[in-house]
């Protein structure tokens, strides 16, 4: 359920904000348009919002600035500590996409950025099934995450990273559970969501899903 990657975030927590700012050349393309990605997620969020994978609190900060009521869920102790220091007004609970405390009964939107790929496709399916039971009709899931148009596109990204000497990026793309648009679309449709995709950079797509009747 993604917790197999917690050690990575223990080591990354203190420098994560530098990475999203583009300071790490290996991940500059992954985090290109980072602020725009967060802004787009916030633009589509409404009502009470639950964020999974709060990290250092960058998306939550924008949601709070908008005036949203936000509950955060984050498995990493280190990330939660940084988010709490930056946003003392934010409630951040320990948990992940599949195992989390009770959430507000009136949740209307579930959001996440750069985190859903920590789940296998089977776990993604289970998470969306659970979220379908939490959200009302027309409730929304808004994710920004690295996905690929096809397995061939994914392999090309891995090959390109290796050619550039970006070994950390290549290992990341091979190690974690990056999936494809057809797989994600099938998962959401199976659980009664109408889903659309918008490409935000060479890696990240905005996934906007609305729960149907």
N, C-alpha and C. Protein backbone atom coordinates (compact mmCIF):
# COMPACT_ATOMS: atom_id res chain seq x y z
N UNK A 1 0.81 -1.21 0.00
CA UNK A 1 0.00 0.00 0.00
C UNK A 1 0.84 1.26 0.00
N UNK A 2 2.03 1.16 -0.61
CA UNK A 2 2.89 2.32 -0.75
C UNK A 2 3.88 2.53 0.38
N UNK A 3 3.67 1.85 1.50
CA UNK A 3 4.56 2.08 2.65
C UNK A 3 5.94 1.47 2.43
N UNK A 4 6.09 0.63 1.41
CA UNK A 4 7.41 0.08 1.11
C UNK A 4 8.38 1.16 0.65
N UNK A 5 7.86 2.35 0.33
CA UNK A 5 8.71 3.45 -0.12
C UNK A 5 8.96 4.50 0.98
N UNK A 6 8.54 4.22 2.21
CA UNK A 6 8.66 5.23 3.27
C UNK A 6 10.10 5.64 3.54
N UNK A 7 11.04 4.70 3.43
CA UNK A 7 12.44 5.05 3.70
C UNK A 7 12.94 6.11 2.73
N UNK A 8 12.43 6.09 1.50
CA UNK A 8 12.82 7.10 0.53
C UNK A 8 12.42 8.48 1.02
N UNK A 9 11.23 8.58 1.57
CA UNK A 9 10.74 9.89 2.01
C UNK A 9 11.33 10.31 3.34
N UNK A 10 11.77 9.35 4.13
CA UNK A 10 12.53 9.70 5.34
C UNK A 10 13.80 10.44 4.95
N UNK A 11 14.46 9.95 3.92
CA UNK A 11 15.71 10.57 3.47
C UNK A 11 15.46 11.85 2.66
N UNK A 12 14.31 11.93 2.01
CA UNK A 12 14.03 13.02 1.08
C UNK A 12 13.34 14.22 1.73
N UNK A 13 12.77 14.02 2.90
CA UNK A 13 11.89 15.03 3.50
C UNK A 13 12.55 16.41 3.57
N UNK A 14 13.78 16.46 4.04
CA UNK A 14 14.44 17.76 4.27
C UNK A 14 14.76 18.50 2.97
N UNK A 15 14.87 17.79 1.86
CA UNK A 15 15.23 18.43 0.60
C UNK A 15 14.12 18.35 -0.44
N UNK A 16 12.95 17.86 -0.04
CA UNK A 16 11.86 17.67 -1.00
C UNK A 16 11.47 18.99 -1.66
N UNK A 17 11.36 20.05 -0.87
CA UNK A 17 10.94 21.33 -1.45
C UNK A 17 11.97 21.87 -2.43
N UNK A 18 13.25 21.53 -2.23
CA UNK A 18 14.26 21.92 -3.21
C UNK A 18 14.05 21.17 -4.52
N UNK A 19 13.68 19.90 -4.40
CA UNK A 19 13.45 19.08 -5.60
C UNK A 19 12.29 19.62 -6.42
N UNK A 20 11.19 19.94 -5.75
CA UNK A 20 10.03 20.41 -6.51
C UNK A 20 10.28 21.79 -7.11
N UNK A 21 11.25 22.51 -6.57
CA UNK A 21 11.62 23.81 -7.14
C UNK A 21 12.49 23.66 -8.38
N UNK A 22 12.88 22.42 -8.71
CA UNK A 22 13.67 22.17 -9.91
C UNK A 22 15.16 22.16 -9.68
N UNK A 23 15.59 22.13 -8.41
CA UNK A 23 17.02 22.18 -8.12
C UNK A 23 17.75 20.90 -8.48
N UNK A 24 17.02 19.78 -8.54
CA UNK A 24 17.63 18.50 -8.91
C UNK A 24 17.41 18.28 -10.41
N UNK A 25 18.48 18.34 -11.23
CA UNK A 25 18.30 18.24 -12.69
C UNK A 25 17.66 16.93 -13.13
N UNK A 26 17.87 15.86 -12.37
CA UNK A 26 17.27 14.58 -12.76
C UNK A 26 15.75 14.64 -12.72
N UNK A 27 15.21 15.45 -11.81
CA UNK A 27 13.76 15.49 -11.63
C UNK A 27 13.15 16.81 -12.09
N UNK A 28 13.93 17.64 -12.76
CA UNK A 28 13.42 18.94 -13.19
C UNK A 28 12.20 18.80 -14.11
N UNK A 29 12.23 17.85 -15.04
CA UNK A 29 11.11 17.66 -15.95
C UNK A 29 9.89 17.09 -15.24
N UNK A 30 10.13 16.26 -14.23
CA UNK A 30 9.02 15.68 -13.46
C UNK A 30 8.26 16.76 -12.71
N UNK A 31 9.00 17.74 -12.18
CA UNK A 31 8.39 18.81 -11.39
C UNK A 31 8.20 20.10 -12.18
N UNK A 32 8.36 20.03 -13.49
CA UNK A 32 8.09 21.22 -14.32
C UNK A 32 6.64 21.64 -14.14
N UNK A 33 6.42 22.95 -14.06
CA UNK A 33 5.07 23.49 -13.88
C UNK A 33 4.44 23.05 -12.55
N UNK A 34 5.29 22.81 -11.57
CA UNK A 34 4.80 22.28 -10.28
C UNK A 34 3.71 23.17 -9.68
N UNK A 35 3.96 24.47 -9.63
CA UNK A 35 2.97 25.37 -9.04
C UNK A 35 1.67 25.35 -9.83
N UNK A 36 1.77 25.28 -11.15
CA UNK A 36 0.57 25.22 -11.98
C UNK A 36 -0.21 23.93 -11.73
N UNK A 37 0.50 22.83 -11.51
CA UNK A 37 -0.17 21.54 -11.23
C UNK A 37 -0.96 21.64 -9.94
N UNK A 38 -0.33 22.17 -8.89
CA UNK A 38 -1.04 22.33 -7.62
C UNK A 38 -2.23 23.26 -7.78
N UNK A 39 -2.03 24.36 -8.48
CA UNK A 39 -3.10 25.34 -8.68
C UNK A 39 -4.28 24.72 -9.42
N UNK A 40 -3.99 23.88 -10.40
CA UNK A 40 -5.06 23.25 -11.16
C UNK A 40 -5.85 22.27 -10.29
N UNK A 41 -5.16 21.53 -9.43
CA UNK A 41 -5.86 20.63 -8.50
C UNK A 41 -6.78 21.44 -7.59
N UNK A 42 -6.26 22.52 -7.03
CA UNK A 42 -7.03 23.37 -6.13
C UNK A 42 -8.24 23.97 -6.84
N UNK A 43 -8.05 24.36 -8.09
CA UNK A 43 -9.13 25.00 -8.85
C UNK A 43 -10.35 24.10 -8.96
N UNK A 44 -10.13 22.80 -9.06
CA UNK A 44 -11.23 21.86 -9.23
C UNK A 44 -11.79 21.34 -7.91
N UNK A 45 -11.10 21.58 -6.80
CA UNK A 45 -11.55 21.08 -5.50
C UNK A 45 -12.67 21.94 -4.95
N UNK A 46 -13.61 21.29 -4.26
CA UNK A 46 -14.70 22.04 -3.65
C UNK A 46 -15.15 21.33 -2.37
N UNK A 47 -15.82 22.08 -1.50
CA UNK A 47 -16.33 21.51 -0.27
C UNK A 47 -15.21 21.07 0.66
N UNK A 48 -15.52 20.14 1.54
CA UNK A 48 -14.51 19.56 2.43
C UNK A 48 -13.58 18.67 1.62
N UNK A 49 -12.28 18.89 1.80
CA UNK A 49 -11.27 18.22 0.98
C UNK A 49 -10.41 17.31 1.85
N UNK A 50 -10.17 16.10 1.38
CA UNK A 50 -9.20 15.20 2.01
C UNK A 50 -8.02 15.05 1.05
N UNK A 51 -6.83 15.31 1.57
CA UNK A 51 -5.62 15.13 0.76
C UNK A 51 -4.85 13.92 1.23
N UNK A 52 -4.55 13.02 0.32
CA UNK A 52 -3.72 11.86 0.61
C UNK A 52 -2.29 12.14 0.14
N UNK A 53 -1.33 11.84 0.99
CA UNK A 53 0.07 12.11 0.66
C UNK A 53 0.39 13.58 0.77
N UNK A 54 0.13 14.16 1.94
CA UNK A 54 0.31 15.59 2.15
C UNK A 54 1.76 16.03 1.92
N UNK A 55 2.71 15.15 2.21
CA UNK A 55 4.12 15.52 2.05
C UNK A 55 4.47 16.70 2.92
N UNK A 56 5.13 17.69 2.35
CA UNK A 56 5.55 18.86 3.12
C UNK A 56 4.48 19.95 3.15
N UNK A 57 3.30 19.68 2.62
CA UNK A 57 2.19 20.60 2.78
C UNK A 57 1.99 21.62 1.68
N UNK A 58 2.62 21.44 0.55
CA UNK A 58 2.52 22.47 -0.51
C UNK A 58 1.13 22.58 -1.10
N UNK A 59 0.49 21.45 -1.40
CA UNK A 59 -0.87 21.50 -1.93
C UNK A 59 -1.85 21.96 -0.85
N UNK A 60 -1.68 21.44 0.35
CA UNK A 60 -2.56 21.83 1.45
C UNK A 60 -2.52 23.34 1.69
N UNK A 61 -1.35 23.93 1.56
CA UNK A 61 -1.23 25.38 1.77
C UNK A 61 -2.11 26.15 0.78
N UNK A 62 -2.12 25.69 -0.46
CA UNK A 62 -2.95 26.36 -1.47
C UNK A 62 -4.44 26.13 -1.21
N UNK A 63 -4.79 24.96 -0.75
CA UNK A 63 -6.19 24.68 -0.44
C UNK A 63 -6.66 25.55 0.73
N UNK A 64 -5.82 25.67 1.75
CA UNK A 64 -6.17 26.50 2.90
C UNK A 64 -6.29 27.98 2.49
N UNK A 65 -5.39 28.39 1.62
CA UNK A 65 -5.43 29.77 1.13
C UNK A 65 -6.75 30.04 0.40
N UNK A 66 -7.24 29.03 -0.30
CA UNK A 66 -8.52 29.15 -1.00
C UNK A 66 -9.70 29.23 -0.03
N UNK A 67 -9.48 28.76 1.21
CA UNK A 67 -10.54 28.74 2.19
C UNK A 67 -11.19 27.39 2.38
N UNK A 68 -10.59 26.35 1.80
CA UNK A 68 -11.15 25.00 1.92
C UNK A 68 -10.92 24.44 3.32
N UNK A 69 -11.86 23.62 3.75
CA UNK A 69 -11.65 22.81 4.96
C UNK A 69 -10.87 21.57 4.52
N UNK A 70 -9.70 21.35 5.11
CA UNK A 70 -8.79 20.31 4.62
C UNK A 70 -8.43 19.35 5.74
N UNK A 71 -8.48 18.07 5.45
CA UNK A 71 -7.95 17.03 6.32
C UNK A 71 -6.86 16.31 5.53
N UNK A 72 -5.67 16.22 6.11
CA UNK A 72 -4.56 15.58 5.44
C UNK A 72 -4.28 14.18 5.97
N UNK A 73 -3.82 13.31 5.09
CA UNK A 73 -3.41 11.95 5.45
C UNK A 73 -2.02 11.73 4.89
N UNK A 74 -1.08 11.33 5.75
CA UNK A 74 0.32 11.18 5.33
C UNK A 74 0.99 10.08 6.15
N UNK A 75 1.62 9.08 5.49
CA UNK A 75 2.24 7.99 6.24
C UNK A 75 3.62 8.29 6.82
N UNK A 76 4.33 9.28 6.27
CA UNK A 76 5.71 9.55 6.68
C UNK A 76 5.75 10.48 7.89
N UNK A 77 6.38 10.01 8.97
CA UNK A 77 6.53 10.86 10.17
C UNK A 77 7.28 12.13 9.85
N UNK A 78 8.34 12.01 9.05
CA UNK A 78 9.17 13.16 8.72
C UNK A 78 8.40 14.18 7.90
N UNK A 79 7.66 13.72 6.92
CA UNK A 79 6.87 14.64 6.11
C UNK A 79 5.78 15.30 6.95
N UNK A 80 5.13 14.54 7.82
CA UNK A 80 4.09 15.12 8.67
C UNK A 80 4.66 16.20 9.56
N UNK A 81 5.86 15.99 10.07
CA UNK A 81 6.48 16.99 10.95
C UNK A 81 6.75 18.29 10.21
N UNK A 82 7.23 18.19 8.98
CA UNK A 82 7.50 19.39 8.19
C UNK A 82 6.20 20.11 7.86
N UNK A 83 5.17 19.34 7.45
CA UNK A 83 3.88 19.95 7.13
C UNK A 83 3.29 20.64 8.35
N UNK A 84 3.40 20.01 9.51
CA UNK A 84 2.84 20.60 10.73
C UNK A 84 3.55 21.89 11.10
N UNK A 85 4.86 21.93 10.89
CA UNK A 85 5.62 23.15 11.19
C UNK A 85 5.25 24.28 10.24
N UNK A 86 5.03 23.95 8.96
CA UNK A 86 4.68 24.96 7.97
C UNK A 86 3.23 25.42 8.11
N UNK A 87 2.35 24.48 8.49
CA UNK A 87 0.91 24.75 8.50
C UNK A 87 0.30 24.25 9.82
N UNK A 88 0.54 24.97 10.91
CA UNK A 88 0.03 24.50 12.21
C UNK A 88 -1.49 24.40 12.25
N UNK A 89 -2.18 25.09 11.37
CA UNK A 89 -3.65 25.04 11.34
C UNK A 89 -4.19 23.81 10.62
N UNK A 90 -3.31 23.04 9.98
CA UNK A 90 -3.73 21.88 9.20
C UNK A 90 -3.79 20.62 10.07
N UNK A 91 -4.87 19.87 9.93
CA UNK A 91 -4.98 18.56 10.58
C UNK A 91 -4.38 17.51 9.66
N UNK A 92 -3.31 16.86 10.11
CA UNK A 92 -2.67 15.81 9.32
C UNK A 92 -2.66 14.53 10.14
N UNK A 93 -3.28 13.49 9.60
CA UNK A 93 -3.37 12.22 10.30
C UNK A 93 -2.46 11.19 9.66
N UNK A 94 -2.02 10.23 10.48
CA UNK A 94 -1.19 9.15 9.96
C UNK A 94 -2.07 8.18 9.19
N UNK A 95 -1.64 7.86 7.98
CA UNK A 95 -2.39 6.92 7.17
C UNK A 95 -1.93 6.95 5.73
N UNK A 96 -2.56 6.13 4.90
CA UNK A 96 -2.23 6.08 3.48
C UNK A 96 -3.51 5.89 2.68
N UNK A 97 -3.38 5.66 1.38
CA UNK A 97 -4.54 5.57 0.50
C UNK A 97 -5.50 4.44 0.87
N UNK A 98 -5.02 3.42 1.53
CA UNK A 98 -5.85 2.26 1.83
C UNK A 98 -6.18 2.10 3.30
N UNK A 99 -5.35 2.65 4.16
CA UNK A 99 -5.50 2.48 5.61
C UNK A 99 -5.43 3.85 6.25
N UNK A 100 -6.58 4.39 6.65
CA UNK A 100 -6.62 5.75 7.15
C UNK A 100 -7.69 5.87 8.23
N UNK A 101 -7.58 6.90 9.09
CA UNK A 101 -8.59 7.10 10.14
C UNK A 101 -9.93 7.51 9.52
N UNK A 102 -10.94 7.60 10.38
CA UNK A 102 -12.25 8.05 9.92
C UNK A 102 -12.14 9.44 9.29
N UNK A 103 -12.80 9.62 8.17
CA UNK A 103 -12.75 10.89 7.45
C UNK A 103 -14.08 11.63 7.64
N UNK A 104 -14.10 12.93 7.40
CA UNK A 104 -15.34 13.69 7.57
C UNK A 104 -16.48 13.11 6.73
N UNK A 105 -17.68 13.08 7.31
CA UNK A 105 -18.83 12.51 6.61
C UNK A 105 -19.23 13.35 5.40
N UNK A 106 -18.83 14.63 5.42
CA UNK A 106 -19.25 15.53 4.34
C UNK A 106 -18.16 15.76 3.30
N UNK A 107 -17.17 14.86 3.22
CA UNK A 107 -16.09 15.04 2.24
C UNK A 107 -16.68 15.08 0.83
N UNK A 108 -16.26 16.09 0.06
CA UNK A 108 -16.73 16.24 -1.31
C UNK A 108 -15.63 16.03 -2.34
N UNK A 109 -14.38 16.24 -1.94
CA UNK A 109 -13.27 16.13 -2.88
C UNK A 109 -12.10 15.40 -2.23
N UNK A 110 -11.50 14.49 -2.98
CA UNK A 110 -10.27 13.81 -2.56
C UNK A 110 -9.17 14.21 -3.53
N UNK A 111 -8.06 14.69 -2.99
CA UNK A 111 -6.97 15.18 -3.84
C UNK A 111 -5.66 14.50 -3.46
N UNK A 112 -4.73 14.53 -4.41
CA UNK A 112 -3.39 14.04 -4.16
C UNK A 112 -2.48 14.46 -5.31
N UNK A 113 -1.22 14.71 -5.01
CA UNK A 113 -0.24 14.97 -6.06
C UNK A 113 1.02 14.17 -5.79
N UNK A 114 1.57 13.59 -6.86
CA UNK A 114 2.85 12.88 -6.81
C UNK A 114 2.85 11.75 -5.77
N UNK A 115 1.74 11.02 -5.65
CA UNK A 115 1.69 9.97 -4.62
C UNK A 115 0.97 8.70 -5.06
N UNK A 116 -0.02 8.79 -5.95
CA UNK A 116 -0.84 7.63 -6.25
C UNK A 116 -0.04 6.51 -6.90
N UNK A 117 1.09 6.85 -7.51
CA UNK A 117 1.92 5.83 -8.16
C UNK A 117 2.62 4.91 -7.17
N UNK A 118 2.50 5.20 -5.87
CA UNK A 118 3.09 4.30 -4.88
C UNK A 118 2.26 3.04 -4.68
N UNK A 119 1.08 3.01 -5.28
CA UNK A 119 0.22 1.84 -5.19
C UNK A 119 0.34 1.00 -6.46
N UNK A 120 0.28 -0.32 -6.28
CA UNK A 120 0.16 -1.20 -7.45
C UNK A 120 -1.18 -0.94 -8.13
N UNK A 121 -1.34 -1.43 -9.35
CA UNK A 121 -2.62 -1.24 -10.03
C UNK A 121 -3.77 -1.89 -9.25
N UNK A 122 -3.50 -3.04 -8.62
CA UNK A 122 -4.54 -3.68 -7.81
C UNK A 122 -4.89 -2.83 -6.60
N UNK A 123 -3.89 -2.21 -5.99
CA UNK A 123 -4.15 -1.32 -4.85
C UNK A 123 -4.84 -0.03 -5.28
N UNK A 124 -4.47 0.47 -6.45
CA UNK A 124 -5.17 1.64 -6.98
C UNK A 124 -6.66 1.33 -7.12
N UNK A 125 -6.97 0.18 -7.66
CA UNK A 125 -8.36 -0.23 -7.84
C UNK A 125 -9.09 -0.27 -6.50
N UNK A 126 -8.46 -0.85 -5.49
CA UNK A 126 -9.08 -0.94 -4.17
C UNK A 126 -9.28 0.44 -3.57
N UNK A 127 -8.29 1.33 -3.73
CA UNK A 127 -8.42 2.69 -3.19
C UNK A 127 -9.59 3.43 -3.83
N UNK A 128 -9.72 3.35 -5.14
CA UNK A 128 -10.81 4.06 -5.82
C UNK A 128 -12.16 3.45 -5.44
N UNK A 129 -12.20 2.15 -5.25
CA UNK A 129 -13.43 1.51 -4.78
C UNK A 129 -13.83 2.07 -3.41
N UNK A 130 -12.86 2.20 -2.51
CA UNK A 130 -13.14 2.75 -1.19
C UNK A 130 -13.59 4.21 -1.29
N UNK A 131 -12.93 4.98 -2.12
CA UNK A 131 -13.28 6.40 -2.26
C UNK A 131 -14.68 6.55 -2.85
N UNK A 132 -15.07 5.64 -3.73
CA UNK A 132 -16.41 5.68 -4.30
C UNK A 132 -17.46 5.58 -3.21
N UNK A 133 -17.15 4.79 -2.18
CA UNK A 133 -18.08 4.65 -1.07
C UNK A 133 -18.09 5.85 -0.14
N UNK A 134 -17.05 6.67 -0.18
CA UNK A 134 -16.96 7.85 0.69
C UNK A 134 -17.61 9.08 0.08
N UNK A 135 -17.55 9.17 -1.24
CA UNK A 135 -17.97 10.40 -1.91
C UNK A 135 -19.45 10.36 -2.31
N UNK A 136 -20.10 11.52 -2.28
CA UNK A 136 -21.47 11.60 -2.78
C UNK A 136 -21.49 11.62 -4.30
N UNK A 137 -22.68 11.49 -4.87
CA UNK A 137 -22.81 11.70 -6.31
C UNK A 137 -22.29 13.09 -6.66
N UNK A 138 -21.50 13.16 -7.71
CA UNK A 138 -20.81 14.37 -8.17
C UNK A 138 -19.63 14.75 -7.27
N UNK A 139 -19.31 13.93 -6.26
CA UNK A 139 -18.06 14.11 -5.53
C UNK A 139 -16.89 13.87 -6.46
N UNK A 140 -15.75 14.47 -6.13
CA UNK A 140 -14.63 14.48 -7.08
C UNK A 140 -13.34 13.89 -6.50
N UNK A 141 -12.57 13.29 -7.37
CA UNK A 141 -11.19 12.91 -7.09
C UNK A 141 -10.33 13.68 -8.07
N UNK A 142 -9.38 14.45 -7.54
CA UNK A 142 -8.48 15.24 -8.39
C UNK A 142 -7.05 14.86 -8.03
N UNK A 143 -6.37 14.20 -8.94
CA UNK A 143 -4.99 13.77 -8.72
C UNK A 143 -4.07 14.41 -9.76
N UNK A 144 -2.87 14.74 -9.35
CA UNK A 144 -1.80 15.07 -10.27
C UNK A 144 -0.70 14.04 -10.07
N UNK A 145 -0.41 13.27 -11.09
CA UNK A 145 0.56 12.19 -10.88
C UNK A 145 1.21 11.79 -12.20
N UNK A 146 2.36 11.16 -12.09
CA UNK A 146 3.04 10.62 -13.25
C UNK A 146 2.33 9.37 -13.73
N UNK A 147 1.82 9.42 -14.94
CA UNK A 147 1.27 8.27 -15.63
C UNK A 147 1.70 8.37 -17.09
N UNK A 148 1.49 7.30 -17.83
CA UNK A 148 1.94 7.27 -19.22
C UNK A 148 0.81 6.87 -20.14
N UNK A 149 0.91 7.33 -21.38
CA UNK A 149 -0.13 7.00 -22.36
C UNK A 149 -0.15 5.51 -22.68
N UNK A 150 1.00 4.86 -22.56
CA UNK A 150 1.10 3.43 -22.85
C UNK A 150 2.37 2.90 -22.20
N UNK A 151 2.51 1.59 -22.18
CA UNK A 151 3.74 0.98 -21.67
C UNK A 151 4.93 1.37 -22.55
N UNK A 152 4.69 1.56 -23.84
CA UNK A 152 5.77 1.98 -24.74
C UNK A 152 6.27 3.37 -24.37
N UNK A 153 5.35 4.28 -24.03
CA UNK A 153 5.75 5.62 -23.60
C UNK A 153 6.55 5.56 -22.29
N UNK A 154 6.14 4.69 -21.41
CA UNK A 154 6.86 4.53 -20.15
C UNK A 154 8.28 4.02 -20.40
N UNK A 155 8.41 3.03 -21.25
CA UNK A 155 9.74 2.48 -21.53
C UNK A 155 10.62 3.53 -22.20
N UNK A 156 10.06 4.34 -23.05
CA UNK A 156 10.83 5.40 -23.69
C UNK A 156 11.34 6.40 -22.64
N UNK A 157 10.51 6.73 -21.67
CA UNK A 157 10.95 7.64 -20.61
C UNK A 157 12.10 7.05 -19.81
N UNK A 158 12.05 5.75 -19.56
CA UNK A 158 13.13 5.08 -18.85
C UNK A 158 14.41 5.09 -19.69
N UNK A 159 14.27 4.76 -20.96
CA UNK A 159 15.43 4.74 -21.86
C UNK A 159 16.05 6.13 -21.99
N UNK A 160 15.20 7.16 -22.10
CA UNK A 160 15.71 8.53 -22.21
C UNK A 160 16.47 8.95 -20.95
N UNK A 161 15.94 8.56 -19.78
CA UNK A 161 16.60 8.89 -18.53
C UNK A 161 17.98 8.24 -18.46
N UNK A 162 18.07 7.01 -18.89
CA UNK A 162 19.36 6.31 -18.88
C UNK A 162 20.35 6.96 -19.84
N UNK A 163 19.88 7.37 -21.01
CA UNK A 163 20.76 8.01 -21.99
C UNK A 163 21.32 9.33 -21.45
N UNK A 164 20.52 10.02 -20.65
CA UNK A 164 20.96 11.30 -20.07
C UNK A 164 21.82 11.11 -18.82
N UNK A 165 21.98 9.87 -18.40
CA UNK A 165 22.75 9.61 -17.18
C UNK A 165 21.95 9.86 -15.92
N UNK A 166 20.63 9.94 -16.03
CA UNK A 166 19.76 10.19 -14.88
C UNK A 166 19.41 8.84 -14.25
N UNK A 167 20.40 8.25 -13.58
CA UNK A 167 20.21 6.89 -13.05
C UNK A 167 19.17 6.84 -11.94
N UNK A 168 19.11 7.88 -11.10
CA UNK A 168 18.11 7.89 -10.02
C UNK A 168 16.69 7.91 -10.60
N UNK A 169 16.49 8.74 -11.61
CA UNK A 169 15.17 8.83 -12.25
C UNK A 169 14.82 7.52 -12.92
N UNK A 170 15.76 6.94 -13.65
CA UNK A 170 15.50 5.67 -14.33
C UNK A 170 15.14 4.58 -13.33
N UNK A 171 15.87 4.50 -12.22
CA UNK A 171 15.57 3.50 -11.20
C UNK A 171 14.21 3.74 -10.58
N UNK A 172 13.88 5.00 -10.36
CA UNK A 172 12.57 5.37 -9.82
C UNK A 172 11.45 4.89 -10.76
N UNK A 173 11.58 5.18 -12.05
CA UNK A 173 10.56 4.81 -13.02
C UNK A 173 10.40 3.29 -13.14
N UNK A 174 11.49 2.57 -12.91
CA UNK A 174 11.43 1.11 -12.99
C UNK A 174 10.94 0.48 -11.69
N UNK A 175 11.18 1.16 -10.57
CA UNK A 175 10.90 0.58 -9.24
C UNK A 175 9.46 0.79 -8.81
N UNK A 176 8.95 2.00 -9.01
CA UNK A 176 7.62 2.31 -8.49
C UNK A 176 6.54 1.94 -9.50
N UNK A 177 5.29 2.13 -9.11
CA UNK A 177 4.19 1.51 -9.84
C UNK A 177 3.49 2.49 -10.78
N UNK A 178 4.28 3.10 -11.65
CA UNK A 178 3.72 4.03 -12.63
C UNK A 178 2.88 3.26 -13.64
N UNK A 179 1.67 3.75 -13.86
CA UNK A 179 0.73 3.01 -14.69
C UNK A 179 0.40 3.81 -15.95
N UNK A 180 -0.61 3.35 -16.67
CA UNK A 180 -0.98 3.97 -17.95
C UNK A 180 -2.40 4.54 -17.89
N UNK A 181 -2.68 5.45 -18.80
CA UNK A 181 -4.01 6.06 -18.85
C UNK A 181 -5.11 5.02 -19.05
N UNK A 182 -4.96 4.05 -19.97
CA UNK A 182 -6.04 3.06 -20.12
C UNK A 182 -6.35 2.29 -18.83
N UNK A 183 -5.31 1.96 -18.07
CA UNK A 183 -5.52 1.24 -16.81
C UNK A 183 -6.28 2.12 -15.82
N UNK A 184 -5.82 3.36 -15.66
CA UNK A 184 -6.48 4.28 -14.72
C UNK A 184 -7.93 4.54 -15.15
N UNK A 185 -8.15 4.72 -16.45
CA UNK A 185 -9.50 4.98 -16.93
C UNK A 185 -10.43 3.81 -16.60
N UNK A 186 -9.95 2.60 -16.81
CA UNK A 186 -10.76 1.42 -16.51
C UNK A 186 -11.09 1.34 -15.03
N UNK A 187 -10.11 1.64 -14.18
CA UNK A 187 -10.35 1.59 -12.73
C UNK A 187 -11.45 2.58 -12.34
N UNK A 188 -11.33 3.81 -12.79
CA UNK A 188 -12.32 4.82 -12.41
C UNK A 188 -13.70 4.48 -12.98
N UNK A 189 -13.74 4.06 -14.24
CA UNK A 189 -15.04 3.73 -14.85
C UNK A 189 -15.71 2.55 -14.14
N UNK A 190 -14.91 1.58 -13.73
CA UNK A 190 -15.45 0.41 -13.02
C UNK A 190 -16.16 0.82 -11.75
N UNK A 191 -15.64 1.86 -11.10
CA UNK A 191 -16.22 2.29 -9.82
C UNK A 191 -17.09 3.54 -9.97
N UNK A 192 -17.66 3.69 -11.17
CA UNK A 192 -18.70 4.69 -11.44
C UNK A 192 -18.19 6.13 -11.35
N UNK A 193 -17.02 6.35 -11.92
CA UNK A 193 -16.50 7.70 -12.06
C UNK A 193 -16.37 8.04 -13.54
N UNK A 194 -16.74 9.26 -13.89
CA UNK A 194 -16.44 9.83 -15.20
C UNK A 194 -15.09 10.52 -15.07
N UNK A 195 -14.10 10.12 -15.87
CA UNK A 195 -12.73 10.60 -15.67
C UNK A 195 -12.18 11.25 -16.92
N UNK A 196 -11.42 12.33 -16.73
CA UNK A 196 -10.73 13.01 -17.83
C UNK A 196 -9.27 13.19 -17.46
N UNK A 197 -8.44 13.41 -18.47
CA UNK A 197 -7.00 13.54 -18.27
C UNK A 197 -6.49 14.79 -18.99
N UNK A 198 -5.58 15.50 -18.33
CA UNK A 198 -4.96 16.68 -18.93
C UNK A 198 -3.46 16.63 -18.65
N UNK A 199 -2.66 16.66 -19.70
CA UNK A 199 -1.21 16.58 -19.51
C UNK A 199 -0.67 17.92 -19.02
N UNK A 200 0.16 17.86 -17.95
CA UNK A 200 0.68 19.06 -17.32
C UNK A 200 2.18 19.26 -17.57
N UNK A 201 2.89 18.19 -17.80
CA UNK A 201 4.29 18.24 -18.24
C UNK A 201 4.61 16.91 -18.90
N UNK A 202 5.88 16.62 -19.14
CA UNK A 202 6.24 15.39 -19.85
C UNK A 202 5.90 14.13 -19.06
N UNK A 203 5.70 14.27 -17.75
CA UNK A 203 5.44 13.12 -16.90
C UNK A 203 4.06 13.15 -16.23
N UNK A 204 3.65 14.30 -15.79
CA UNK A 204 2.48 14.42 -14.92
C UNK A 204 1.21 14.77 -15.69
N UNK A 205 0.14 14.09 -15.32
CA UNK A 205 -1.19 14.36 -15.85
C UNK A 205 -2.13 14.72 -14.71
N UNK A 206 -3.05 15.63 -15.00
CA UNK A 206 -4.13 15.91 -14.08
C UNK A 206 -5.23 14.89 -14.34
N UNK A 207 -5.63 14.19 -13.30
CA UNK A 207 -6.71 13.21 -13.37
C UNK A 207 -7.91 13.79 -12.62
N UNK A 208 -8.99 14.02 -13.34
CA UNK A 208 -10.19 14.61 -12.74
C UNK A 208 -11.33 13.61 -12.91
N UNK A 209 -11.84 13.12 -11.79
CA UNK A 209 -12.89 12.11 -11.83
C UNK A 209 -14.08 12.57 -11.00
N UNK A 210 -15.27 12.40 -11.55
CA UNK A 210 -16.50 12.77 -10.86
C UNK A 210 -17.38 11.54 -10.68
N UNK A 211 -17.85 11.35 -9.46
CA UNK A 211 -18.65 10.18 -9.17
C UNK A 211 -20.04 10.31 -9.79
N UNK A 212 -20.40 9.30 -10.57
CA UNK A 212 -21.72 9.28 -11.21
C UNK A 212 -22.75 8.62 -10.31
N UNK A 213 -24.02 8.69 -10.67
CA UNK A 213 -25.08 8.05 -9.91
C UNK A 213 -24.96 6.54 -10.00
